[in-house]
PDB file of N, CA and C in Angstrom:
ATOM      1  N   MET A   1     -54.452  11.954   5.701  1.00  0.00           N
ATOM      2  CA  MET A   1     -53.941  11.181   4.588  1.00  0.00           C
ATOM      3  C   MET A   1     -52.515  11.614   4.294  1.00  0.00           C
ATOM      4  N   ALA A   2     -51.654  10.697   3.889  1.00  0.00           N
ATOM      5  CA  ALA A   2     -50.243  10.969   3.629  1.00  0.00           C
ATOM      6  C   ALA A   2     -50.080  11.714   2.319  1.00  0.00           C
ATOM      7  N   LYS A   3     -49.077  12.598   2.321  1.00  0.00           N
ATOM      8  CA  LYS A   3     -48.777  13.320   1.084  1.00  0.00           C
ATOM      9  C   LYS A   3     -48.020  12.412   0.123  1.00  0.00           C
ATOM     10  N   ASP A   4     -48.130  12.696  -1.159  1.00  0.00           N
ATOM     11  CA  ASP A   4     -47.439  11.882  -2.168  1.00  0.00           C
ATOM     12  C   ASP A   4     -45.927  12.067  -2.115  1.00  0.00           C
ATOM     13  N   ASP A   5     -45.429  13.230  -1.630  1.00  0.00           N
ATOM     14  CA  ASP A   5     -43.992  13.478  -1.567  1.00  0.00           C
ATOM     15  C   ASP A   5     -43.304  12.504  -0.613  1.00  0.00           C
ATOM     16  N   ASN A   6     -43.954  12.147   0.461  1.00  0.00           N
ATOM     17  CA  ASN A   6     -43.373  11.238   1.425  1.00  0.00           C
ATOM     18  C   ASN A   6     -43.239   9.814   0.880  1.00  0.00           C
ATOM     19  N   LEU A   7     -44.091   9.453  -0.045  1.00  0.00           N
ATOM     20  CA  LEU A   7     -44.058   8.107  -0.581  1.00  0.00           C
ATOM     21  C   LEU A   7     -42.889   7.892  -1.546  1.00  0.00           C
ATOM     22  N   LYS A   8     -42.311   8.960  -2.084  1.00  0.00           N
ATOM     23  CA  LYS A   8     -41.215   8.840  -3.031  1.00  0.00           C
ATOM     24  C   LYS A   8     -39.884   8.533  -2.339  1.00  0.00           C
ATOM     25  N   ALA A   9     -39.782   8.842  -1.071  1.00  0.00           N
ATOM     26  CA  ALA A   9     -38.531   8.621  -0.344  1.00  0.00           C
ATOM     27  C   ALA A   9     -38.534   7.217   0.218  1.00  0.00           C
ATOM     28  N   GLY A  10     -37.735   6.355  -0.362  1.00  0.00           N
ATOM     29  CA  GLY A  10     -37.668   4.991   0.126  1.00  0.00           C
ATOM     30  C   GLY A  10     -36.552   4.245  -0.566  1.00  0.00           C
ATOM     31  N   PHE A  11     -36.350   3.018  -0.173  1.00  0.00           N
ATOM     32  CA  PHE A  11     -35.305   2.192  -0.749  1.00  0.00           C
ATOM     33  C   PHE A  11     -35.797   1.648  -2.082  1.00  0.00           C
ATOM     34  N   THR A  12     -35.070   1.953  -3.151  1.00  0.00           N
ATOM     35  CA  THR A  12     -35.504   1.524  -4.474  1.00  0.00           C
ATOM     36  C   THR A  12     -34.566   0.495  -5.104  1.00  0.00           C
ATOM     37  N   GLY A  13     -33.427   0.203  -4.452  1.00  0.00           N
ATOM     38  CA  GLY A  13     -32.467  -0.742  -5.027  1.00  0.00           C
ATOM     39  C   GLY A  13     -32.659  -2.135  -4.475  1.00  0.00           C
ATOM     40  N   THR A  14     -31.694  -2.957  -4.742  1.00  0.00           N
ATOM     41  CA  THR A  14     -31.709  -4.309  -4.200  1.00  0.00           C
ATOM     42  C   THR A  14     -30.699  -4.378  -3.063  1.00  0.00           C
ATOM     43  N   PRO A  15     -30.955  -5.186  -2.056  1.00  0.00           N
ATOM     44  CA  PRO A  15     -30.013  -5.269  -0.939  1.00  0.00           C
ATOM     45  C   PRO A  15     -28.675  -5.850  -1.415  1.00  0.00           C
ATOM     46  N   GLU A  16     -27.597  -5.281  -0.900  1.00  0.00           N
ATOM     47  CA  GLU A  16     -26.269  -5.745  -1.280  1.00  0.00           C
ATOM     48  C   GLU A  16     -25.952  -7.036  -0.559  1.00  0.00           C
ATOM     49  N   GLU A  17     -25.350  -7.953  -1.297  1.00  0.00           N
ATOM     50  CA  GLU A  17     -24.974  -9.233  -0.717  1.00  0.00           C
ATOM     51  C   GLU A  17     -23.794  -9.023   0.230  1.00  0.00           C
ATOM     52  N   PRO A  18     -23.873  -9.552   1.449  1.00  0.00           N
ATOM     53  CA  PRO A  18     -22.756  -9.361   2.377  1.00  0.00           C
ATOM     54  C   PRO A  18     -21.485 -10.044   1.861  1.00  0.00           C
ATOM     55  N   LEU A  19     -20.348  -9.402   2.122  1.00  0.00           N
ATOM     56  CA  LEU A  19     -19.081  -9.952   1.683  1.00  0.00           C
ATOM     57  C   LEU A  19     -18.773 -11.236   2.434  1.00  0.00           C
ATOM     58  N   ALA A  20     -18.235 -12.192   1.714  1.00  0.00           N
ATOM     59  CA  ALA A  20     -17.880 -13.470   2.335  1.00  0.00           C
ATOM     60  C   ALA A  20     -16.667 -14.032   1.622  1.00  0.00           C
ATOM     61  N   GLY A  21     -15.901 -14.827   2.336  1.00  0.00           N
ATOM     62  CA  GLY A  21     -14.765 -15.514   1.750  1.00  0.00           C
ATOM     63  C   GLY A  21     -13.652 -14.572   1.324  1.00  0.00           C
ATOM     64  N   PHE A  22     -13.174 -14.770   0.099  1.00  0.00           N
ATOM     65  CA  PHE A  22     -12.047 -14.001  -0.413  1.00  0.00           C
ATOM     66  C   PHE A  22     -12.372 -12.519  -0.522  1.00  0.00           C
ATOM     67  N   ARG A  23     -13.605 -12.200  -0.907  1.00  0.00           N
ATOM     68  CA  ARG A  23     -13.986 -10.788  -1.048  1.00  0.00           C
ATOM     69  C   ARG A  23     -13.921 -10.062   0.292  1.00  0.00           C
ATOM     70  N   LYS A  24     -14.298 -10.735   1.369  1.00  0.00           N
ATOM     71  CA  LYS A  24     -14.251 -10.133   2.694  1.00  0.00           C
ATOM     72  C   LYS A  24     -12.804  -9.920   3.139  1.00  0.00           C
ATOM     73  N   VAL A  25     -11.954 -10.919   2.880  1.00  0.00           N
ATOM     74  CA  VAL A  25     -10.538 -10.805   3.236  1.00  0.00           C
ATOM     75  C   VAL A  25      -9.879  -9.692   2.435  1.00  0.00           C
ATOM     76  N   ALA A  26     -10.194  -9.619   1.144  1.00  0.00           N
ATOM     77  CA  ALA A  26      -9.620  -8.573   0.293  1.00  0.00           C
ATOM     78  C   ALA A  26     -10.076  -7.189   0.739  1.00  0.00           C
ATOM     79  N   GLN A  27     -11.323  -7.039   1.106  1.00  0.00           N
ATOM     80  CA  GLN A  27     -11.836  -5.748   1.566  1.00  0.00           C
ATOM     81  C   GLN A  27     -11.183  -5.341   2.883  1.00  0.00           C
ATOM     82  N   THR A  28     -11.017  -6.294   3.785  1.00  0.00           N
ATOM     83  CA  THR A  28     -10.367  -6.019   5.062  1.00  0.00           C
ATOM     84  C   THR A  28      -8.919  -5.601   4.853  1.00  0.00           C
ATOM     85  N   ALA A  29      -8.215  -6.299   3.965  1.00  0.00           N
ATOM     86  CA  ALA A  29      -6.822  -5.952   3.674  1.00  0.00           C
ATOM     87  C   ALA A  29      -6.727  -4.584   3.014  1.00  0.00           C
ATOM     88  N   THR A  30      -7.633  -4.271   2.122  1.00  0.00           N
ATOM     89  CA  THR A  30      -7.647  -2.970   1.463  1.00  0.00           C
ATOM     90  C   THR A  30      -7.866  -1.854   2.474  1.00  0.00           C
ATOM     91  N   ASP A  31      -8.791  -2.058   3.384  1.00  0.00           N
ATOM     92  CA  ASP A  31      -9.053  -1.057   4.422  1.00  0.00           C
ATOM     93  C   ASP A  31      -7.827  -0.853   5.306  1.00  0.00           C
ATOM     94  N   ALA A  32      -7.141  -1.933   5.646  1.00  0.00           N
ATOM     95  CA  ALA A  32      -5.950  -1.829   6.491  1.00  0.00           C
ATOM     96  C   ALA A  32      -4.833  -1.086   5.771  1.00  0.00           C
ATOM     97  N   VAL A  33      -4.649  -1.357   4.482  1.00  0.00           N
ATOM     98  CA  VAL A  33      -3.611  -0.667   3.711  1.00  0.00           C
ATOM     99  C   VAL A  33      -3.932   0.820   3.606  1.00  0.00           C
ATOM    100  N   LYS A  34      -5.182   1.156   3.386  1.00  0.00           N
ATOM    101  CA  LYS A  34      -5.575   2.572   3.302  1.00  0.00           C
ATOM    102  C   LYS A  34      -5.301   3.290   4.632  1.00  0.00           C
ATOM    103  N   ARG A  35      -5.618   2.647   5.746  1.00  0.00           N
ATOM    104  CA  ARG A  35      -5.371   3.261   7.051  1.00  0.00           C
ATOM    105  C   ARG A  35      -3.881   3.471   7.287  1.00  0.00           C
ATOM    106  N   GLU A  36      -3.073   2.475   6.961  1.00  0.00           N
ATOM    107  CA  GLU A  36      -1.632   2.571   7.197  1.00  0.00           C
ATOM    108  C   GLU A  36      -0.980   3.616   6.299  1.00  0.00           C
ATOM    109  N   THR A  37      -1.393   3.675   5.028  1.00  0.00           N
ATOM    110  CA  THR A  37      -0.795   4.669   4.137  1.00  0.00           C
ATOM    111  C   THR A  37      -1.170   6.081   4.547  1.00  0.00           C
ATOM    112  N   SER A  38      -2.379   6.266   5.035  1.00  0.00           N
ATOM    113  CA  SER A  38      -2.738   7.612   5.500  1.00  0.00           C
ATOM    114  C   SER A  38      -1.977   7.965   6.768  1.00  0.00           C
ATOM    115  N   ALA A  39      -1.711   6.986   7.626  1.00  0.00           N
ATOM    116  CA  ALA A  39      -0.922   7.242   8.837  1.00  0.00           C
ATOM    117  C   ALA A  39       0.521   7.590   8.476  1.00  0.00           C
ATOM    118  N   VAL A  40       1.093   6.884   7.504  1.00  0.00           N
ATOM    119  CA  VAL A  40       2.463   7.179   7.066  1.00  0.00           C
ATOM    120  C   VAL A  40       2.528   8.558   6.418  1.00  0.00           C
ATOM    121  N   ALA A  41       1.544   8.887   5.596  1.00  0.00           N
ATOM    122  CA  ALA A  41       1.531  10.197   4.940  1.00  0.00           C
ATOM    123  C   ALA A  41       1.391  11.321   5.961  1.00  0.00           C
ATOM    124  N   THR A  42       0.583  11.121   6.975  1.00  0.00           N
ATOM    125  CA  THR A  42       0.422  12.123   8.020  1.00  0.00           C
ATOM    126  C   THR A  42       1.717  12.300   8.807  1.00  0.00           C
ATOM    127  N   ALA A  43       2.364  11.192   9.149  1.00  0.00           N
ATOM    128  CA  ALA A  43       3.628  11.269   9.886  1.00  0.00           C
ATOM    129  C   ALA A  43       4.706  11.937   9.041  1.00  0.00           C
ATOM    130  N   ALA A  44       4.750  11.635   7.744  1.00  0.00           N
ATOM    131  CA  ALA A  44       5.744  12.246   6.863  1.00  0.00           C
ATOM    132  C   ALA A  44       5.494  13.744   6.710  1.00  0.00           C
ATOM    133  N   ALA A  45       4.236  14.149   6.704  1.00  0.00           N
ATOM    134  CA  ALA A  45       3.922  15.573   6.603  1.00  0.00           C
ATOM    135  C   ALA A  45       4.301  16.317   7.885  1.00  0.00           C
ATOM    136  N   GLN A  46       4.189  15.660   9.019  1.00  0.00           N
ATOM    137  CA  GLN A  46       4.517  16.295  10.288  1.00  0.00           C
ATOM    138  C   GLN A  46       6.019  16.316  10.553  1.00  0.00           C
ATOM    139  N   HIS A  47       6.751  15.354   9.989  1.00  0.00           N
ATOM    140  CA  HIS A  47       8.196  15.248  10.219  1.00  0.00           C
ATOM    141  C   HIS A  47       8.927  15.042   8.892  1.00  0.00           C
ATOM    142  N   PRO A  48       9.048  16.076   8.066  1.00  0.00           N
ATOM    143  CA  PRO A  48       9.627  15.889   6.730  1.00  0.00           C
ATOM    144  C   PRO A  48      11.110  15.520   6.749  1.00  0.00           C
ATOM    145  N   GLN A  49      11.890  16.025   7.698  1.00  0.00           N
ATOM    146  CA  GLN A  49      13.313  15.690   7.743  1.00  0.00           C
ATOM    147  C   GLN A  49      13.513  14.212   8.068  1.00  0.00           C
ATOM    148  N   THR A  50      12.753  13.708   9.012  1.00  0.00           N
ATOM    149  CA  THR A  50      12.850  12.301   9.377  1.00  0.00           C
ATOM    150  C   THR A  50      12.414  11.411   8.210  1.00  0.00           C
ATOM    151  N   ALA A  51      11.365  11.811   7.527  1.00  0.00           N
ATOM    152  CA  ALA A  51      10.872  11.015   6.401  1.00  0.00           C
ATOM    153  C   ALA A  51      11.894  10.969   5.269  1.00  0.00           C
ATOM    154  N   SER A  52      12.519  12.106   4.967  1.00  0.00           N
ATOM    155  CA  SER A  52      13.513  12.107   3.890  1.00  0.00           C
ATOM    156  C   SER A  52      14.762  11.330   4.296  1.00  0.00           C
ATOM    157  N   THR A  53      15.155  11.432   5.562  1.00  0.00           N
ATOM    158  CA  THR A  53      16.309  10.655   6.033  1.00  0.00           C
ATOM    159  C   THR A  53      16.036   9.162   5.939  1.00  0.00           C
ATOM    160  N   LEU A  54      14.849   8.736   6.343  1.00  0.00           N
ATOM    161  CA  LEU A  54      14.490   7.319   6.234  1.00  0.00           C
ATOM    162  C   LEU A  54      14.452   6.862   4.783  1.00  0.00           C
ATOM    163  N   ALA A  55      13.947   7.707   3.895  1.00  0.00           N
ATOM    164  CA  ALA A  55      13.896   7.345   2.479  1.00  0.00           C
ATOM    165  C   ALA A  55      15.295   7.165   1.903  1.00  0.00           C
ATOM    166  N   VAL A  56      16.223   8.060   2.265  1.00  0.00           N
ATOM    167  CA  VAL A  56      17.601   7.943   1.782  1.00  0.00           C
ATOM    168  C   VAL A  56      18.267   6.695   2.359  1.00  0.00           C
ATOM    169  N   LEU A  57      18.072   6.434   3.639  1.00  0.00           N
ATOM    170  CA  LEU A  57      18.671   5.249   4.250  1.00  0.00           C
ATOM    171  C   LEU A  57      18.129   3.950   3.658  1.00  0.00           C
ATOM    172  N   ILE A  58      16.823   3.897   3.424  1.00  0.00           N
ATOM    173  CA  ILE A  58      16.234   2.705   2.822  1.00  0.00           C
ATOM    174  C   ILE A  58      16.748   2.526   1.397  1.00  0.00           C
ATOM    175  N   GLY A  59      16.881   3.627   0.655  1.00  0.00           N
ATOM    176  CA  GLY A  59      17.427   3.546  -0.698  1.00  0.00           C
ATOM    177  C   GLY A  59      18.862   3.073  -0.702  1.00  0.00           C
ATOM    178  N   ALA A  60      19.686   3.584   0.216  1.00  0.00           N
ATOM    179  CA  ALA A  60      21.082   3.165   0.300  1.00  0.00           C
ATOM    180  C   ALA A  60      21.184   1.695   0.690  1.00  0.00           C
ATOM    181  N   LEU A  61      20.344   1.258   1.608  1.00  0.00           N
ATOM    182  CA  LEU A  61      20.341  -0.144   2.012  1.00  0.00           C
ATOM    183  C   LEU A  61      19.921  -1.043   0.851  1.00  0.00           C
ATOM    184  N   ALA A  62      18.908  -0.639   0.110  1.00  0.00           N
ATOM    185  CA  ALA A  62      18.463  -1.430  -1.043  1.00  0.00           C
ATOM    186  C   ALA A  62      19.551  -1.482  -2.112  1.00  0.00           C
ATOM    187  N   PHE A  63      20.234  -0.364  -2.354  1.00  0.00           N
ATOM    188  CA  PHE A  63      21.332  -0.350  -3.321  1.00  0.00           C
ATOM    189  C   PHE A  63      22.450  -1.286  -2.874  1.00  0.00           C
ATOM    190  N   THR A  64      22.807  -1.244  -1.610  1.00  0.00           N
ATOM    191  CA  THR A  64      23.877  -2.096  -1.089  1.00  0.00           C
ATOM    192  C   THR A  64      23.517  -3.578  -1.216  1.00  0.00           C
ATOM    193  N   ILE A  65      22.298  -3.918  -0.862  1.00  0.00           N
ATOM    194  CA  ILE A  65      21.868  -5.311  -0.984  1.00  0.00           C
ATOM    195  C   ILE A  65      21.886  -5.746  -2.448  1.00  0.00           C
ATOM    196  N   GLY A  66      21.413  -4.896  -3.343  1.00  0.00           N
ATOM    197  CA  GLY A  66      21.433  -5.218  -4.766  1.00  0.00           C
ATOM    198  C   GLY A  66      22.835  -5.362  -5.298  1.00  0.00           C
ATOM    199  N   TYR A  67      23.733  -4.506  -4.860  1.00  0.00           N
ATOM    200  CA  TYR A  67      25.124  -4.578  -5.305  1.00  0.00           C
ATOM    201  C   TYR A  67      25.787  -5.869  -4.827  1.00  0.00           C
ATOM    202  N   VAL A  68      25.579  -6.209  -3.565  1.00  0.00           N
ATOM    203  CA  VAL A  68      26.185  -7.428  -3.011  1.00  0.00           C
ATOM    204  C   VAL A  68      25.631  -8.662  -3.708  1.00  0.00           C
ATOM    205  N   LEU A  69      24.325  -8.712  -3.910  1.00  0.00           N
ATOM    206  CA  LEU A  69      23.736  -9.866  -4.587  1.00  0.00           C
ATOM    207  C   LEU A  69      24.182  -9.945  -6.043  1.00  0.00           C
ATOM    208  N   GLY A  70      24.297  -8.793  -6.694  1.00  0.00           N
ATOM    209  CA  GLY A  70      24.735  -8.778  -8.085  1.00  0.00           C
ATOM    210  C   GLY A  70      26.186  -9.163  -8.241  1.00  0.00           C
ATOM    211  N   SER A  71      27.037  -8.683  -7.346  1.00  0.00           N
ATOM    212  CA  SER A  71      28.459  -9.002  -7.465  1.00  0.00           C
ATOM    213  C   SER A  71      28.754 -10.436  -7.045  1.00  0.00           C
ATOM    214  N   SER A  72      27.921 -11.010  -6.201  1.00  0.00           N
ATOM    215  CA  SER A  72      28.157 -12.394  -5.798  1.00  0.00           C
ATOM    216  C   SER A  72      27.732 -13.375  -6.887  1.00  0.00           C
ATOM    217  N   SER A  73      26.918 -12.939  -7.832  1.00  0.00           N
ATOM    218  CA  SER A  73      26.470 -13.843  -8.887  1.00  0.00           C
ATOM    219  C   SER A  73      27.392 -13.813 -10.104  1.00  0.00           C
ATOM    220  N   VAL A  74      28.417 -12.968 -10.096  1.00  0.00           N
ATOM    221  CA  VAL A  74      29.343 -12.871 -11.215  1.00  0.00           C
ATOM    222  C   VAL A  74      30.345 -14.016 -11.139  1.00  0.00           C
ATOM    223  N   ASP A  75      30.647 -14.592 -12.294  1.00  0.00           N
ATOM    224  CA  ASP A  75      31.628 -15.668 -12.360  1.00  0.00           C
ATOM    225  C   ASP A  75      33.024 -15.080 -12.153  1.00  0.00           C
ATOM    226  N   ARG A  76      33.714 -15.493 -11.119  1.00  0.00           N
ATOM    227  CA  ARG A  76      35.016 -14.915 -10.757  1.00  0.00           C
ATOM    228  C   ARG A  76      36.196 -15.648 -11.393  1.00  0.00           C
ATOM    229  N   LYS A  77      35.966 -16.688 -12.148  1.00  0.00           N
ATOM    230  CA  LYS A  77      37.103 -17.431 -12.642  1.00  0.00           C
ATOM    231  C   LYS A  77      37.803 -16.708 -13.803  1.00  0.00           C
ATOM    232  N   TRP A  78      37.163 -15.792 -14.473  1.00  0.00           N
ATOM    233  CA  TRP A  78      37.774 -15.001 -15.534  1.00  0.00           C
ATOM    234  C   TRP A  78      38.215 -13.660 -14.962  1.00  0.00           C
ATOM    235  N   GLY A  79      39.438 -13.328 -15.105  1.00  0.00           N
ATOM    236  CA  GLY A  79      39.947 -12.069 -14.615  1.00  0.00           C
ATOM    237  C   GLY A  79      39.688 -10.947 -15.610  1.00  0.00           C
ATOM    238  N   TYR A  80      39.760  -9.738 -15.156  1.00  0.00           N
ATOM    239  CA  TYR A  80      39.523  -8.578 -15.994  1.00  0.00           C
ATOM    240  C   TYR A  80      40.610  -8.424 -17.047  1.00  0.00           C
ATOM    241  N   TRP A  81      41.867  -8.684 -16.697  1.00  0.00           N
ATOM    242  CA  TRP A  81      42.986  -8.427 -17.596  1.00  0.00           C
ATOM    243  C   TRP A  81      43.334  -9.624 -18.492  1.00  0.00           C
ATOM    244  N   ARG A  82      42.593 -10.612 -18.502  1.00  0.00           N
ATOM    245  CA  ARG A  82      42.910 -11.796 -19.280  1.00  0.00           C
ATOM    246  C   ARG A  82      42.596 -11.664 -20.719  1.00  0.00           C
TER     247      ARG A  82
END
């Protein structure tokens, strides 16, 4: 005869509904982002000089693009000394 302890070990919840549609796409995208961020973090930890150089270059490029876009939107018909 079976012991009572063995009868307590079993599935007691409800089966989870499989992901479909938008939820499946969102879960897949989330998993991909997690994998990529961990890969970037690992690479940055292994090569800190390269990571900091890339961060500075990306920051300088973003500043330059922002400056050019900002200065091109200024009305040039009024001079500074007028």
